[in-house]
């Protein structure tokens, strides 16, 4: 459980760092509510964290099986 938590922490830091390079203003409509844009940006970050962490865990478990 500790390794999984640490992996989530590391991936979270990497995703936050990587998402800073995205120009969020160009992703959304001109007259979009700023709260909607922030929530969408937050949900995209959570999705990326979840998917990347589970991908790494699946790869590690697959390598252990082989």
N, C-alpha and C. Protein backbone atom coordinates (compact mmCIF):
# COMPACT_ATOMS: atom_id res chain seq x y z
N UNK A 1 0.82 -1.20 0.00
CA UNK A 1 0.00 0.00 0.00
C UNK A 1 0.86 1.25 0.00
N UNK A 2 1.98 1.22 0.66
CA UNK A 2 2.86 2.38 0.73
C UNK A 2 3.45 2.69 -0.64
N UNK A 3 3.83 1.66 -1.37
CA UNK A 3 4.41 1.88 -2.69
C UNK A 3 3.39 2.49 -3.63
N UNK A 4 2.15 2.07 -3.51
CA UNK A 4 1.09 2.62 -4.36
C UNK A 4 0.86 4.09 -4.03
N UNK A 5 0.85 4.42 -2.75
CA UNK A 5 0.69 5.82 -2.34
C UNK A 5 1.84 6.67 -2.86
N UNK A 6 3.06 6.16 -2.74
CA UNK A 6 4.22 6.91 -3.22
C UNK A 6 4.17 7.10 -4.73
N UNK A 7 3.71 6.07 -5.44
CA UNK A 7 3.58 6.19 -6.89
C UNK A 7 2.54 7.24 -7.25
N UNK A 8 1.41 7.25 -6.54
CA UNK A 8 0.40 8.28 -6.77
C UNK A 8 0.98 9.68 -6.53
N UNK A 9 1.77 9.82 -5.48
CA UNK A 9 2.37 11.11 -5.15
C UNK A 9 3.32 11.57 -6.25
N UNK A 10 4.19 10.66 -6.70
CA UNK A 10 5.16 11.01 -7.75
C UNK A 10 4.44 11.36 -9.05
N UNK A 11 3.47 10.55 -9.43
CA UNK A 11 2.74 10.80 -10.67
C UNK A 11 1.96 12.11 -10.56
N UNK A 12 1.41 12.42 -9.39
CA UNK A 12 0.70 13.68 -9.21
C UNK A 12 1.63 14.86 -9.44
N UNK A 13 2.83 14.81 -8.91
CA UNK A 13 3.79 15.89 -9.11
C UNK A 13 4.16 16.03 -10.59
N UNK A 14 4.34 14.92 -11.28
CA UNK A 14 4.69 14.96 -12.69
C UNK A 14 3.54 15.51 -13.52
N UNK A 15 2.32 15.10 -13.22
CA UNK A 15 1.15 15.59 -13.97
C UNK A 15 0.94 17.08 -13.74
N UNK A 16 1.09 17.54 -12.50
CA UNK A 16 0.96 18.98 -12.24
C UNK A 16 2.02 19.75 -13.01
N UNK A 17 3.24 19.27 -13.00
CA UNK A 17 4.32 19.92 -13.73
C UNK A 17 4.04 19.94 -15.23
N UNK A 18 3.55 18.83 -15.77
CA UNK A 18 3.28 18.73 -17.20
C UNK A 18 2.08 19.59 -17.62
N UNK A 19 1.07 19.66 -16.77
CA UNK A 19 -0.13 20.44 -17.13
C UNK A 19 0.12 21.94 -17.08
N UNK A 20 1.18 22.37 -16.43
CA UNK A 20 1.51 23.79 -16.42
C UNK A 20 1.94 24.28 -17.80
N UNK A 21 2.34 23.37 -18.66
CA UNK A 21 2.78 23.77 -19.99
C UNK A 21 1.61 23.94 -20.96
N UNK A 22 0.40 23.57 -20.55
CA UNK A 22 -0.77 23.65 -21.42
C UNK A 22 -1.38 25.04 -21.31
N UNK A 23 -1.64 25.66 -22.46
CA UNK A 23 -2.33 26.94 -22.48
C UNK A 23 -3.82 26.67 -22.34
N UNK A 24 -4.31 26.80 -21.13
CA UNK A 24 -5.70 26.45 -20.83
C UNK A 24 -6.68 27.36 -21.57
N UNK A 25 -6.28 28.59 -21.87
CA UNK A 25 -7.18 29.53 -22.53
C UNK A 25 -7.53 29.10 -23.95
N UNK A 26 -6.63 28.39 -24.59
CA UNK A 26 -6.90 27.97 -25.97
C UNK A 26 -7.75 26.70 -26.02
N UNK A 27 -7.94 26.02 -24.89
CA UNK A 27 -8.70 24.77 -24.88
C UNK A 27 -10.21 24.99 -24.81
N UNK A 28 -10.62 26.11 -24.26
CA UNK A 28 -12.03 26.33 -23.98
C UNK A 28 -12.61 27.44 -24.83
N UNK A 29 -13.93 27.51 -24.88
CA UNK A 29 -14.62 28.52 -25.66
C UNK A 29 -14.32 29.91 -25.10
N UNK A 30 -14.56 30.93 -25.94
CA UNK A 30 -14.29 32.31 -25.54
C UNK A 30 -15.15 32.75 -24.36
N UNK A 31 -16.44 32.47 -24.40
CA UNK A 31 -17.36 32.95 -23.37
C UNK A 31 -17.65 31.88 -22.31
N UNK A 32 -16.69 31.03 -22.05
CA UNK A 32 -16.88 29.94 -21.10
C UNK A 32 -16.78 30.48 -19.67
N UNK A 33 -17.58 29.92 -18.80
CA UNK A 33 -17.53 30.25 -17.38
C UNK A 33 -16.17 29.79 -16.82
N UNK A 34 -15.42 30.67 -16.16
CA UNK A 34 -14.11 30.27 -15.64
C UNK A 34 -14.16 29.10 -14.66
N UNK A 35 -15.24 29.01 -13.89
CA UNK A 35 -15.38 27.90 -12.95
C UNK A 35 -15.48 26.57 -13.70
N UNK A 36 -16.22 26.56 -14.79
CA UNK A 36 -16.34 25.34 -15.60
C UNK A 36 -14.98 24.94 -16.15
N UNK A 37 -14.21 25.90 -16.61
CA UNK A 37 -12.89 25.61 -17.16
C UNK A 37 -11.96 25.04 -16.08
N UNK A 38 -12.01 25.60 -14.90
CA UNK A 38 -11.16 25.11 -13.81
C UNK A 38 -11.54 23.70 -13.39
N UNK A 39 -12.84 23.45 -13.32
CA UNK A 39 -13.30 22.12 -12.94
C UNK A 39 -12.89 21.10 -14.00
N UNK A 40 -13.03 21.46 -15.27
CA UNK A 40 -12.64 20.55 -16.35
C UNK A 40 -11.13 20.29 -16.31
N UNK A 41 -10.34 21.31 -16.08
CA UNK A 41 -8.89 21.18 -15.97
C UNK A 41 -8.52 20.27 -14.80
N UNK A 42 -9.21 20.44 -13.67
CA UNK A 42 -8.99 19.61 -12.48
C UNK A 42 -9.34 18.15 -12.76
N UNK A 43 -10.48 17.92 -13.42
CA UNK A 43 -10.90 16.56 -13.73
C UNK A 43 -9.96 15.89 -14.73
N UNK A 44 -9.45 16.66 -15.68
CA UNK A 44 -8.47 16.10 -16.62
C UNK A 44 -7.20 15.69 -15.88
N UNK A 45 -6.79 16.49 -14.92
CA UNK A 45 -5.61 16.15 -14.12
C UNK A 45 -5.82 14.89 -13.30
N UNK A 46 -6.98 14.79 -12.65
CA UNK A 46 -7.28 13.58 -11.87
C UNK A 46 -7.31 12.35 -12.76
N UNK A 47 -7.90 12.49 -13.93
CA UNK A 47 -7.97 11.36 -14.86
C UNK A 47 -6.58 10.92 -15.29
N UNK A 48 -5.73 11.88 -15.59
CA UNK A 48 -4.37 11.54 -16.01
C UNK A 48 -3.60 10.86 -14.88
N UNK A 49 -3.75 11.35 -13.66
CA UNK A 49 -3.07 10.75 -12.52
C UNK A 49 -3.52 9.30 -12.34
N UNK A 50 -4.82 9.08 -12.38
CA UNK A 50 -5.37 7.73 -12.20
C UNK A 50 -4.89 6.79 -13.31
N UNK A 51 -4.99 7.23 -14.55
CA UNK A 51 -4.63 6.36 -15.68
C UNK A 51 -3.14 6.04 -15.71
N UNK A 52 -2.30 7.02 -15.47
CA UNK A 52 -0.85 6.80 -15.51
C UNK A 52 -0.42 5.88 -14.37
N UNK A 53 -0.94 6.12 -13.17
CA UNK A 53 -0.57 5.28 -12.03
C UNK A 53 -1.01 3.84 -12.24
N UNK A 54 -2.23 3.64 -12.69
CA UNK A 54 -2.70 2.27 -12.91
C UNK A 54 -1.97 1.60 -14.07
N UNK A 55 -1.58 2.35 -15.07
CA UNK A 55 -0.78 1.78 -16.16
C UNK A 55 0.56 1.28 -15.61
N UNK A 56 1.22 2.09 -14.82
CA UNK A 56 2.51 1.68 -14.25
C UNK A 56 2.35 0.46 -13.36
N UNK A 57 1.31 0.45 -12.52
CA UNK A 57 1.08 -0.70 -11.65
C UNK A 57 0.77 -1.96 -12.45
N UNK A 58 0.00 -1.84 -13.53
CA UNK A 58 -0.29 -3.00 -14.38
C UNK A 58 0.96 -3.52 -15.07
N UNK A 59 1.80 -2.63 -15.54
CA UNK A 59 3.04 -3.05 -16.20
C UNK A 59 3.94 -3.79 -15.20
N UNK A 60 4.05 -3.24 -14.00
CA UNK A 60 4.89 -3.88 -12.99
C UNK A 60 4.33 -5.26 -12.62
N UNK A 61 3.04 -5.37 -12.44
CA UNK A 61 2.45 -6.68 -12.09
C UNK A 61 2.57 -7.66 -13.26
N UNK A 62 2.49 -7.19 -14.49
CA UNK A 62 2.65 -8.08 -15.65
C UNK A 62 4.08 -8.59 -15.75
N UNK A 63 5.03 -7.75 -15.45
CA UNK A 63 6.43 -8.16 -15.50
C UNK A 63 6.70 -9.19 -14.41
N UNK A 64 6.09 -9.04 -13.26
CA UNK A 64 6.27 -10.02 -12.18
C UNK A 64 5.71 -11.38 -12.56
N UNK A 65 4.62 -11.39 -13.32
CA UNK A 65 4.01 -12.66 -13.74
C UNK A 65 4.93 -13.39 -14.73
N UNK A 66 5.56 -12.65 -15.62
CA UNK A 66 6.44 -13.27 -16.60
C UNK A 66 7.68 -13.77 -15.91
